[in-house]
C-alpha atoms as a PDB file:
ATOM      1  CA  UNK A   1       8.155  19.341  27.815  1.00  0.00           C
ATOM      2  CA  UNK A   2       5.958  22.095  29.571  1.00  0.00           C
ATOM      3  CA  UNK A   3       2.131  21.383  29.346  1.00  0.00           C
ATOM      4  CA  UNK A   4       0.880  21.118  25.912  1.00  0.00           C
ATOM      5  CA  UNK A   5      -1.674  23.622  24.998  1.00  0.00           C
ATOM      6  CA  UNK A   6      -4.164  22.198  22.384  1.00  0.00           C
ATOM      7  CA  UNK A   7      -6.296  24.066  20.356  1.00  0.00           C
ATOM      8  CA  UNK A   8      -9.752  22.796  19.315  1.00  0.00           C
ATOM      9  CA  UNK A   9     -12.973  23.848  18.074  1.00  0.00           C
ATOM     10  CA  UNK A  10     -15.904  24.134  20.446  1.00  0.00           C
ATOM     11  CA  UNK A  11     -18.037  21.677  19.063  1.00  0.00           C
ATOM     12  CA  UNK A  12     -19.011  18.224  20.644  1.00  0.00           C
ATOM     13  CA  UNK A  13     -17.504  16.308  17.781  1.00  0.00           C
ATOM     14  CA  UNK A  14     -14.428  18.637  17.961  1.00  0.00           C
ATOM     15  CA  UNK A  15     -13.751  17.950  21.644  1.00  0.00           C
ATOM     16  CA  UNK A  16     -14.290  14.345  21.068  1.00  0.00           C
ATOM     17  CA  UNK A  17     -11.677  14.231  18.585  1.00  0.00           C
ATOM     18  CA  UNK A  18      -9.593  16.030  20.652  1.00  0.00           C
ATOM     19  CA  UNK A  19      -9.889  13.461  23.487  1.00  0.00           C
ATOM     20  CA  UNK A  20      -8.933  10.869  20.997  1.00  0.00           C
ATOM     21  CA  UNK A  21      -5.750  12.645  20.420  1.00  0.00           C
ATOM     22  CA  UNK A  22      -5.022  13.172  23.807  1.00  0.00           C
ATOM     23  CA  UNK A  23      -5.664   9.605  24.572  1.00  0.00           C
ATOM     24  CA  UNK A  24      -3.239   8.601  21.702  1.00  0.00           C
ATOM     25  CA  UNK A  25      -0.399  11.100  23.012  1.00  0.00           C
ATOM     26  CA  UNK A  26      -0.695   9.965  26.744  1.00  0.00           C
ATOM     27  CA  UNK A  27      -0.573   6.305  25.617  1.00  0.00           C
ATOM     28  CA  UNK A  28       2.680   7.350  24.159  1.00  0.00           C
ATOM     29  CA  UNK A  29       3.783   9.729  26.556  1.00  0.00           C
ATOM     30  CA  UNK A  30       1.876   8.833  30.091  1.00  0.00           C
ATOM     31  CA  UNK A  31       3.536  11.741  31.743  1.00  0.00           C
ATOM     32  CA  UNK A  32       2.272  14.129  29.410  1.00  0.00           C
ATOM     33  CA  UNK A  33       0.209  17.218  30.800  1.00  0.00           C
ATOM     34  CA  UNK A  34      -2.152  18.951  28.602  1.00  0.00           C
ATOM     35  CA  UNK A  35      -4.496  22.106  28.560  1.00  0.00           C
ATOM     36  CA  UNK A  36      -7.454  22.294  26.121  1.00  0.00           C
ATOM     37  CA  UNK A  37      -8.162  25.761  24.668  1.00  0.00           C
ATOM     38  CA  UNK A  38     -11.461  25.793  22.836  1.00  0.00           C
ATOM     39  CA  UNK A  39     -11.975  28.268  20.147  1.00  0.00           C
ATOM     40  CA  UNK A  40     -14.657  29.210  17.659  1.00  0.00           C
ATOM     41  CA  UNK A  41     -13.849  29.746  14.492  1.00  0.00           C
ATOM     42  CA  UNK A  42     -14.978  31.834  11.653  1.00  0.00           C
ATOM     43  CA  UNK A  43     -16.292  28.643  10.046  1.00  0.00           C
ATOM     44  CA  UNK A  44     -18.324  27.939  13.026  1.00  0.00           C
ATOM     45  CA  UNK A  45     -20.117  31.426  13.312  1.00  0.00           C
ATOM     46  CA  UNK A  46     -20.883  32.194   9.702  1.00  0.00           C
ATOM     47  CA  UNK A  47     -23.740  29.434   9.091  1.00  0.00           C
ATOM     48  CA  UNK A  48     -25.943  31.301   6.474  1.00  0.00           C
ATOM     49  CA  UNK A  49     -23.261  30.658   3.832  1.00  0.00           C
ATOM     50  CA  UNK A  50     -22.017  27.581   2.332  1.00  0.00           C
ATOM     51  CA  UNK A  51     -18.305  26.847   3.064  1.00  0.00           C
ATOM     52  CA  UNK A  52     -17.159  27.181  -0.686  1.00  0.00           C
ATOM     53  CA  UNK A  53     -18.266  30.891  -0.267  1.00  0.00           C
ATOM     54  CA  UNK A  54     -16.194  31.396   2.697  1.00  0.00           C
ATOM     55  CA  UNK A  55     -13.113  29.604   1.516  1.00  0.00           C
ATOM     56  CA  UNK A  56     -10.400  31.946   0.155  1.00  0.00           C
ATOM     57  CA  UNK A  57      -9.032  29.500  -2.240  1.00  0.00           C
ATOM     58  CA  UNK A  58      -7.014  27.101  -0.032  1.00  0.00           C
ATOM     59  CA  UNK A  59      -7.578  29.062   3.023  1.00  0.00           C
ATOM     60  CA  UNK A  60      -9.349  26.617   5.590  1.00  0.00           C
ATOM     61  CA  UNK A  61     -12.342  28.524   7.379  1.00  0.00           C
ATOM     62  CA  UNK A  62     -11.745  25.931  10.351  1.00  0.00           C
ATOM     63  CA  UNK A  63      -8.214  25.898  10.472  1.00  0.00           C
ATOM     64  CA  UNK A  64      -6.406  29.285   9.382  1.00  0.00           C
ATOM     65  CA  UNK A  65      -7.301  30.849  13.122  1.00  0.00           C
ATOM     66  CA  UNK A  66      -5.628  28.225  14.842  1.00  0.00           C
ATOM     67  CA  UNK A  67      -2.661  28.663  12.562  1.00  0.00           C
ATOM     68  CA  UNK A  68      -2.378  32.166  13.742  1.00  0.00           C
ATOM     69  CA  UNK A  69      -2.723  31.094  17.322  1.00  0.00           C
ATOM     70  CA  UNK A  70       0.077  28.572  17.118  1.00  0.00           C
ATOM     71  CA  UNK A  71       2.518  31.235  15.295  1.00  0.00           C
ATOM     72  CA  UNK A  72       1.588  33.614  18.246  1.00  0.00           C
ATOM     73  CA  UNK A  73       2.569  30.844  20.775  1.00  0.00           C
ATOM     74  CA  UNK A  74      -1.147  30.841  22.100  1.00  0.00           C
ATOM     75  CA  UNK A  75      -1.119  27.220  21.704  1.00  0.00           C
ATOM     76  CA  UNK A  76       1.059  24.355  20.796  1.00  0.00           C
ATOM     77  CA  UNK A  77      -0.705  22.169  18.401  1.00  0.00           C
ATOM     78  CA  UNK A  78      -4.362  22.237  16.843  1.00  0.00           C
ATOM     79  CA  UNK A  79      -6.325  19.294  16.380  1.00  0.00           C
ATOM     80  CA  UNK A  80      -8.461  19.069  13.119  1.00  0.00           C
ATOM     81  CA  UNK A  81     -10.419  16.862  11.043  1.00  0.00           C
ATOM     82  CA  UNK A  82      -8.193  16.083   8.267  1.00  0.00           C
ATOM     83  CA  UNK A  83     -10.959  16.931   5.532  1.00  0.00           C
ATOM     84  CA  UNK A  84     -11.174  20.462   6.996  1.00  0.00           C
ATOM     85  CA  UNK A  85      -7.372  21.563   6.267  1.00  0.00           C
ATOM     86  CA  UNK A  86      -6.526  24.323   4.040  1.00  0.00           C
ATOM     87  CA  UNK A  87      -4.465  23.224   0.790  1.00  0.00           C
ATOM     88  CA  UNK A  88      -1.274  24.724   2.050  1.00  0.00           C
ATOM     89  CA  UNK A  89      -0.467  25.181   5.680  1.00  0.00           C
ATOM     90  CA  UNK A  90       0.868  28.429   7.085  1.00  0.00           C
ATOM     91  CA  UNK A  91       4.732  28.590   6.779  1.00  0.00           C
ATOM     92  CA  UNK A  92       6.644  27.045   9.509  1.00  0.00           C
ATOM     93  CA  UNK A  93       3.685  24.759  10.458  1.00  0.00           C
ATOM     94  CA  UNK A  94       3.128  20.736   9.592  1.00  0.00           C
ATOM     95  CA  UNK A  95       0.996  18.074  10.441  1.00  0.00           C
ATOM     96  CA  UNK A  96       3.008  16.438  13.154  1.00  0.00           C
ATOM     97  CA  UNK A  97       0.486  13.792  14.279  1.00  0.00           C
ATOM     98  CA  UNK A  98      -1.965  11.442  12.425  1.00  0.00           C
ATOM     99  CA  UNK A  99      -4.546   9.218  14.284  1.00  0.00           C
ATOM    100  CA  UNK A 100      -5.835   5.952  12.749  1.00  0.00           C
ATOM    101  CA  UNK A 101      -8.493   6.517  10.263  1.00  0.00           C
ATOM    102  CA  UNK A 102     -12.082   5.890  11.292  1.00  0.00           C
ATOM    103  CA  UNK A 103     -14.830   4.967   8.911  1.00  0.00           C
ATOM    104  CA  UNK A 104     -14.382   7.127   5.690  1.00  0.00           C
ATOM    105  CA  UNK A 105     -17.896   6.594   4.137  1.00  0.00           C
ATOM    106  CA  UNK A 106     -20.799   8.965   4.093  1.00  0.00           C
ATOM    107  CA  UNK A 107     -24.275   8.275   5.088  1.00  0.00           C
ATOM    108  CA  UNK A 108     -27.727   9.178   4.058  1.00  0.00           C
ATOM    109  CA  UNK A 109     -29.340   9.882   7.484  1.00  0.00           C
ATOM    110  CA  UNK A 110     -33.212   9.735   7.343  1.00  0.00           C
ATOM    111  CA  UNK A 111     -36.099   9.828  10.157  1.00  0.00           C
ATOM    112  CA  UNK A 112     -36.660   5.961  11.238  1.00  0.00           C
ATOM    113  CA  UNK A 113     -38.544   4.041   8.775  1.00  0.00           C
ATOM    114  CA  UNK A 114     -38.292   6.395   5.691  1.00  0.00           C
ATOM    115  CA  UNK A 115     -36.727   5.118   2.574  1.00  0.00           C
ATOM    116  CA  UNK A 116     -34.489   6.919   0.148  1.00  0.00           C
ATOM    117  CA  UNK A 117     -36.585   7.118  -2.559  1.00  0.00           C
ATOM    118  CA  UNK A 118     -39.247   8.913  -0.314  1.00  0.00           C
ATOM    119  CA  UNK A 119     -36.428  11.669   0.074  1.00  0.00           C
ATOM    120  CA  UNK A 120     -37.115  14.933  -1.838  1.00  0.00           C
ATOM    121  CA  UNK A 121     -35.180  17.310  -0.221  1.00  0.00           C
ATOM    122  CA  UNK A 122     -31.433  16.203   1.163  1.00  0.00           C
ATOM    123  CA  UNK A 123     -29.494  18.451   3.158  1.00  0.00           C
ATOM    124  CA  UNK A 124     -25.710  18.929   2.548  1.00  0.00           C
ATOM    125  CA  UNK A 125     -23.142  21.807   2.647  1.00  0.00           C
ATOM    126  CA  UNK A 126     -20.888  19.723   0.271  1.00  0.00           C
ATOM    127  CA  UNK A 127     -20.357  20.529  -3.511  1.00  0.00           C
ATOM    128  CA  UNK A 128     -18.984  16.837  -3.684  1.00  0.00           C
ATOM    129  CA  UNK A 129     -21.951  15.343  -1.731  1.00  0.00           C
ATOM    130  CA  UNK A 130     -24.250  17.349  -4.063  1.00  0.00           C
ATOM    131  CA  UNK A 131     -22.893  16.094  -7.294  1.00  0.00           C
ATOM    132  CA  UNK A 132     -22.580  12.335  -5.936  1.00  0.00           C
ATOM    133  CA  UNK A 133     -26.153  12.868  -4.882  1.00  0.00           C
ATOM    134  CA  UNK A 134     -27.420  13.818  -8.173  1.00  0.00           C
ATOM    135  CA  UNK A 135     -26.198  10.523  -9.680  1.00  0.00           C
ATOM    136  CA  UNK A 136     -27.241   8.238  -6.853  1.00  0.00           C
ATOM    137  CA  UNK A 137     -30.486   9.957  -5.860  1.00  0.00           C
ATOM    138  CA  UNK A 138     -31.519  11.741  -8.995  1.00  0.00           C
ATOM    139  CA  UNK A 139     -35.158  12.244  -7.875  1.00  0.00           C
ATOM    140  CA  UNK A 140     -33.664  14.505  -4.663  1.00  0.00           C
ATOM    141  CA  UNK A 141     -32.986  18.191  -4.700  1.00  0.00           C
ATOM    142  CA  UNK A 142     -29.883  19.165  -2.320  1.00  0.00           C
ATOM    143  CA  UNK A 143     -30.200  22.160  -0.254  1.00  0.00           C
ATOM    144  CA  UNK A 144     -27.768  23.851   1.967  1.00  0.00           C
ATOM    145  CA  UNK A 145     -27.519  22.750   5.665  1.00  0.00           C
ATOM    146  CA  UNK A 146     -24.952  24.227   8.169  1.00  0.00           C
ATOM    147  CA  UNK A 147     -24.134  23.696  11.641  1.00  0.00           C
ATOM    148  CA  UNK A 148     -22.710  21.030  14.224  1.00  0.00           C
ATOM    149  CA  UNK A 149     -23.736  17.483  13.950  1.00  0.00           C
ATOM    150  CA  UNK A 150     -26.632  17.967  16.451  1.00  0.00           C
ATOM    151  CA  UNK A 151     -27.964  21.067  14.828  1.00  0.00           C
ATOM    152  CA  UNK A 152     -28.136  19.268  11.423  1.00  0.00           C
ATOM    153  CA  UNK A 153     -29.985  16.458  13.012  1.00  0.00           C
ATOM    154  CA  UNK A 154     -32.436  18.715  14.968  1.00  0.00           C
ATOM    155  CA  UNK A 155     -33.277  20.011  11.514  1.00  0.00           C
ATOM    156  CA  UNK A 156     -34.000  16.705  10.171  1.00  0.00           C
ATOM    157  CA  UNK A 157     -36.097  15.902  12.888  1.00  0.00           C
ATOM    158  CA  UNK A 158     -38.113  19.135  12.479  1.00  0.00           C
ATOM    159  CA  UNK A 159     -38.765  18.466   9.024  1.00  0.00           C
ATOM    160  CA  UNK A 160     -36.567  21.029   7.474  1.00  0.00           C
ATOM    161  CA  UNK A 161     -35.243  18.197   5.169  1.00  0.00           C
ATOM    162  CA  UNK A 162     -36.156  14.468   4.260  1.00  0.00           C
ATOM    163  CA  UNK A 163     -32.785  13.364   4.508  1.00  0.00           C
ATOM    164  CA  UNK A 164     -29.102  14.905   5.609  1.00  0.00           C
ATOM    165  CA  UNK A 165     -25.849  13.448   4.477  1.00  0.00           C
ATOM    166  CA  UNK A 166     -23.292  13.163   7.198  1.00  0.00           C
ATOM    167  CA  UNK A 167     -19.916  11.465   7.592  1.00  0.00           C
ATOM    168  CA  UNK A 168     -20.030   7.958   9.165  1.00  0.00           C
ATOM    169  CA  UNK A 169     -17.087   8.700  11.479  1.00  0.00           C
ATOM    170  CA  UNK A 170     -18.733  11.764  13.117  1.00  0.00           C
ATOM    171  CA  UNK A 171     -21.668   9.713  13.683  1.00  0.00           C
ATOM    172  CA  UNK A 172     -19.755   6.890  15.217  1.00  0.00           C
ATOM    173  CA  UNK A 173     -17.568   9.134  17.560  1.00  0.00           C
ATOM    174  CA  UNK A 174     -20.944  11.145  18.735  1.00  0.00           C
ATOM    175  CA  UNK A 175     -22.479   7.316  19.818  1.00  0.00           C
ATOM    176  CA  UNK A 176     -25.240   8.144  17.220  1.00  0.00           C
ATOM    177  CA  UNK A 177     -26.823   5.033  15.906  1.00  0.00           C
ATOM    178  CA  UNK A 178     -30.123   4.172  14.181  1.00  0.00           C
ATOM    179  CA  UNK A 179     -31.385   3.129  17.785  1.00  0.00           C
ATOM    180  CA  UNK A 180     -31.658   7.104  18.044  1.00  0.00           C
ATOM    181  CA  UNK A 181     -34.627   7.307  15.792  1.00  0.00           C
ATOM    182  CA  UNK A 182     -32.981   7.100  12.375  1.00  0.00           C
ATOM    183  CA  UNK A 183     -32.616   4.959   9.331  1.00  0.00           C
ATOM    184  CA  UNK A 184     -29.095   4.979   7.669  1.00  0.00           C
ATOM    185  CA  UNK A 185     -28.008   4.236   4.027  1.00  0.00           C
ATOM    186  CA  UNK A 186     -24.160   3.832   4.226  1.00  0.00           C
ATOM    187  CA  UNK A 187     -22.886   5.221   0.906  1.00  0.00           C
ATOM    188  CA  UNK A 188     -20.155   3.079  -0.445  1.00  0.00           C
ATOM    189  CA  UNK A 189     -16.738   4.798  -1.930  1.00  0.00           C
ATOM    190  CA  UNK A 190     -18.215   3.553  -5.395  1.00  0.00           C
ATOM    191  CA  UNK A 191     -21.292   5.694  -4.916  1.00  0.00           C
ATOM    192  CA  UNK A 192     -19.916   8.632  -2.886  1.00  0.00           C
ATOM    193  CA  UNK A 193     -16.078   8.939  -3.162  1.00  0.00           C
ATOM    194  CA  UNK A 194     -15.282  10.374   0.194  1.00  0.00           C
ATOM    195  CA  UNK A 195     -13.749  13.805   0.757  1.00  0.00           C
ATOM    196  CA  UNK A 196      -9.729  13.542   0.953  1.00  0.00           C
ATOM    197  CA  UNK A 197      -8.753  12.602   4.605  1.00  0.00           C
ATOM    198  CA  UNK A 198     -12.395  12.152   5.768  1.00  0.00           C
ATOM    199  CA  UNK A 199     -12.476  10.038   8.925  1.00  0.00           C
ATOM    200  CA  UNK A 200      -8.765  11.289   9.789  1.00  0.00           C
ATOM    201  CA  UNK A 201      -7.884  13.260  12.810  1.00  0.00           C
ATOM    202  CA  UNK A 202      -4.704  15.379  12.461  1.00  0.00           C
ATOM    203  CA  UNK A 203      -2.433  17.378  14.725  1.00  0.00           C
ATOM    204  CA  UNK A 204      -0.868  20.723  13.237  1.00  0.00           C
ATOM    205  CA  UNK A 205       2.174  22.359  15.084  1.00  0.00           C
ATOM    206  CA  UNK A 206       5.661  23.372  14.664  1.00  0.00           C
ATOM    207  CA  UNK A 207       8.220  20.657  13.543  1.00  0.00           C
ATOM    208  CA  UNK A 208      10.073  21.193  16.915  1.00  0.00           C
ATOM    209  CA  UNK A 209       7.239  19.313  18.539  1.00  0.00           C
ATOM    210  CA  UNK A 210       7.401  16.449  15.759  1.00  0.00           C
ATOM    211  CA  UNK A 211       9.039  13.872  18.287  1.00  0.00           C
ATOM    212  CA  UNK A 212       6.580  14.772  21.273  1.00  0.00           C
ATOM    213  CA  UNK A 213       3.450  14.594  19.144  1.00  0.00           C
ATOM    214  CA  UNK A 214       4.585  12.036  16.762  1.00  0.00           C
ATOM    215  CA  UNK A 215       3.727   9.009  19.036  1.00  0.00           C
ATOM    216  CA  UNK A 216       0.064   9.707  18.255  1.00  0.00           C
ATOM    217  CA  UNK A 217       0.569   8.752  14.413  1.00  0.00           C
ATOM    218  CA  UNK A 218      -0.792   5.442  12.679  1.00  0.00           C
ATOM    219  CA  UNK A 219       1.780   5.041   9.890  1.00  0.00           C
ATOM    220  CA  UNK A 220      -0.700   3.112   7.536  1.00  0.00           C
ATOM    221  CA  UNK A 221      -3.258   6.220   8.047  1.00  0.00           C
ATOM    222  CA  UNK A 222      -0.288   8.529   7.564  1.00  0.00           C
ATOM    223  CA  UNK A 223       0.378   7.251   4.097  1.00  0.00           C
ATOM    224  CA  UNK A 224      -3.405   7.507   2.852  1.00  0.00           C
ATOM    225  CA  UNK A 225      -3.415  11.034   4.402  1.00  0.00           C
ATOM    226  CA  UNK A 226      -0.455  12.443   2.754  1.00  0.00           C
ATOM    227  CA  UNK A 227      -1.479  10.602  -0.570  1.00  0.00           C
ATOM    228  CA  UNK A 228      -5.014  12.177  -0.436  1.00  0.00           C
ATOM    229  CA  UNK A 229      -3.699  15.560   0.272  1.00  0.00           C
ATOM    230  CA  UNK A 230      -1.100  15.349  -2.438  1.00  0.00           C
ATOM    231  CA  UNK A 231      -4.020  15.253  -4.961  1.00  0.00           C
ATOM    232  CA  UNK A 232      -5.759  18.338  -3.711  1.00  0.00           C
ATOM    233  CA  UNK A 233      -2.391  20.152  -3.626  1.00  0.00           C
ATOM    234  CA  UNK A 234      -1.908  19.113  -7.272  1.00  0.00           C
ATOM    235  CA  UNK A 235      -5.251  20.169  -8.283  1.00  0.00           C
ATOM    236  CA  UNK A 236      -4.806  23.389  -5.926  1.00  0.00           C
ATOM    237  CA  UNK A 237      -8.652  22.278  -4.986  1.00  0.00           C
ATOM    238  CA  UNK A 238     -10.390  22.994  -1.769  1.00  0.00           C
ATOM    239  CA  UNK A 239     -14.103  22.887  -0.397  1.00  0.00           C
ATOM    240  CA  UNK A 240     -14.921  25.481  -3.074  1.00  0.00           C
ATOM    241  CA  UNK A 241     -14.567  22.677  -5.745  1.00  0.00           C
ATOM    242  CA  UNK A 242     -16.341  19.423  -5.881  1.00  0.00           C
ATOM    243  CA  UNK A 243     -13.255  17.206  -5.197  1.00  0.00           C
ATOM    244  CA  UNK A 244     -12.654  13.798  -3.660  1.00  0.00           C
ATOM    245  CA  UNK A 245      -9.688  11.679  -3.246  1.00  0.00           C
ATOM    246  CA  UNK A 246      -9.592   8.016  -1.513  1.00  0.00           C
ATOM    247  CA  UNK A 247      -6.848   6.011  -1.066  1.00  0.00           C
ATOM    248  CA  UNK A 248      -6.524   2.476   0.352  1.00  0.00           C
ATOM    249  CA  UNK A 249      -3.700   0.182   1.158  1.00  0.00           C
ATOM    250  CA  UNK A 250      -3.459  -3.286  -0.930  1.00  0.00           C
ATOM    251  CA  UNK A 251      -0.622  -5.343   0.515  1.00  0.00           C
ATOM    252  CA  UNK A 252       2.639  -3.340  -0.422  1.00  0.00           C
ATOM    253  CA  UNK A 253       0.676  -0.977  -2.839  1.00  0.00           C
ATOM    254  CA  UNK A 254      -1.631   1.871  -2.519  1.00  0.00           C
ATOM    255  CA  UNK A 255      -4.694   2.468  -4.490  1.00  0.00           C
ATOM    256  CA  UNK A 256      -6.097   5.802  -5.019  1.00  0.00           C
ATOM    257  CA  UNK A 257      -9.237   6.792  -6.778  1.00  0.00           C
ATOM    258  CA  UNK A 258     -10.102  10.748  -7.279  1.00  0.00           C
ATOM    259  CA  UNK A 259     -12.592  12.962  -8.702  1.00  0.00           C
ATOM    260  CA  UNK A 260     -12.644  16.682  -9.637  1.00  0.00           C
ATOM    261  CA  UNK A 261     -15.841  17.876 -11.029  1.00  0.00           C
ATOM    262  CA  UNK A 262     -16.945  15.438 -13.505  1.00  0.00           C
ATOM    263  CA  UNK A 263     -13.736  13.802 -14.200  1.00  0.00           C
ATOM    264  CA  UNK A 264     -12.622  10.623 -12.313  1.00  0.00           C
ATOM    265  CA  UNK A 265      -9.031   9.005 -12.430  1.00  0.00           C
ATOM    266  CA  UNK A 266      -7.401   6.118 -10.475  1.00  0.00           C
ATOM    267  CA  UNK A 267      -4.205   4.124 -10.219  1.00  0.00           C
ATOM    268  CA  UNK A 268      -2.109   1.838  -8.121  1.00  0.00           C
ATOM    269  CA  UNK A 269       1.449   2.155  -7.021  1.00  0.00           C
ATOM    270  CA  UNK A 270       3.918   0.829  -4.371  1.00  0.00           C
ATOM    271  CA  UNK A 271       3.650   2.612  -1.319  1.00  0.00           C
ATOM    272  CA  UNK A 272       7.099   4.158  -1.465  1.00  0.00           C
ATOM    273  CA  UNK A 273       5.745   5.815  -4.676  1.00  0.00           C
ATOM    274  CA  UNK A 274       2.471   7.237  -3.373  1.00  0.00           C
ATOM    275  CA  UNK A 275       2.979  10.931  -3.879  1.00  0.00           C
ATOM    276  CA  UNK A 276       4.079   9.981  -7.633  1.00  0.00           C
ATOM    277  CA  UNK A 277       0.634   8.308  -7.697  1.00  0.00           C
ATOM    278  CA  UNK A 278      -1.087  11.372  -6.549  1.00  0.00           C
ATOM    279  CA  UNK A 279       0.398  13.398  -9.339  1.00  0.00           C
ATOM    280  CA  UNK A 280      -0.250  11.155 -11.850  1.00  0.00           C
ATOM    281  CA  UNK A 281      -4.161  10.862 -10.881  1.00  0.00           C
ATOM    282  CA  UNK A 282      -4.309  14.467 -10.535  1.00  0.00           C
ATOM    283  CA  UNK A 283      -2.922  14.762 -14.043  1.00  0.00           C
ATOM    284  CA  UNK A 284      -5.556  12.494 -15.199  1.00  0.00           C
ATOM    285  CA  UNK A 285      -8.180  14.710 -13.735  1.00  0.00           C
ATOM    286  CA  UNK A 286      -6.843  17.964 -15.423  1.00  0.00           C
ATOM    287  CA  UNK A 287      -8.125  16.487 -18.872  1.00  0.00           C
END
């Protein structure tokens, strides 16, 4: 095939994720030649509003412009964080590659030595995290924080917040640890149910490239990705709703837990029936 043109956001984390995808692709196709095409999305440039105000009911603020670039033949694929995808992809496009999932959990990040009970102001840009924080840290108030991971950490160090909530996968990919001057409180799925597809990096493109790009796919992660995405599609929920979905493989079965607003639902089924399971769990969330 010709040189693969890969679209990615300009942040350091996005580039790290793109490098991960390229490494997986070139392991499957050592001769593959790639060109990285960075782009700053609307979601990256408008930082004074929460994502749910930018979202147009399922239209991803970090993904839709890349979809347009693919359809205009400016890039071949786009690399996304799975949790940033719109509910429904643009017509003619599919998820054609799914990397192995990294740690799906959230982390309460605090200045070194601080304890959670000392945190009165917690920064987050997620309605899901706000809702979970109200249960786990009822003494704290959540306030809006936007920007890339380093921008958020700088605001924490400058005292704008007592703590912030970040994805463990993002911290790991950037090599950020407690040794950098932080105290981490890892938040279990029982406390903070992860966002659907959190910790999963995917490639979006036209189906014609599926055979070429599919070599990056981890099949077990693909099962989890499809199941969690199906919950969101059944609910027609995006970042404008406090929603979560988290699937885990248990032998030949898949366990699914999901949240929508104050509702919670869960179930287990054979892996082959994962989409039926997602539909059943979603029905349980609709009351």
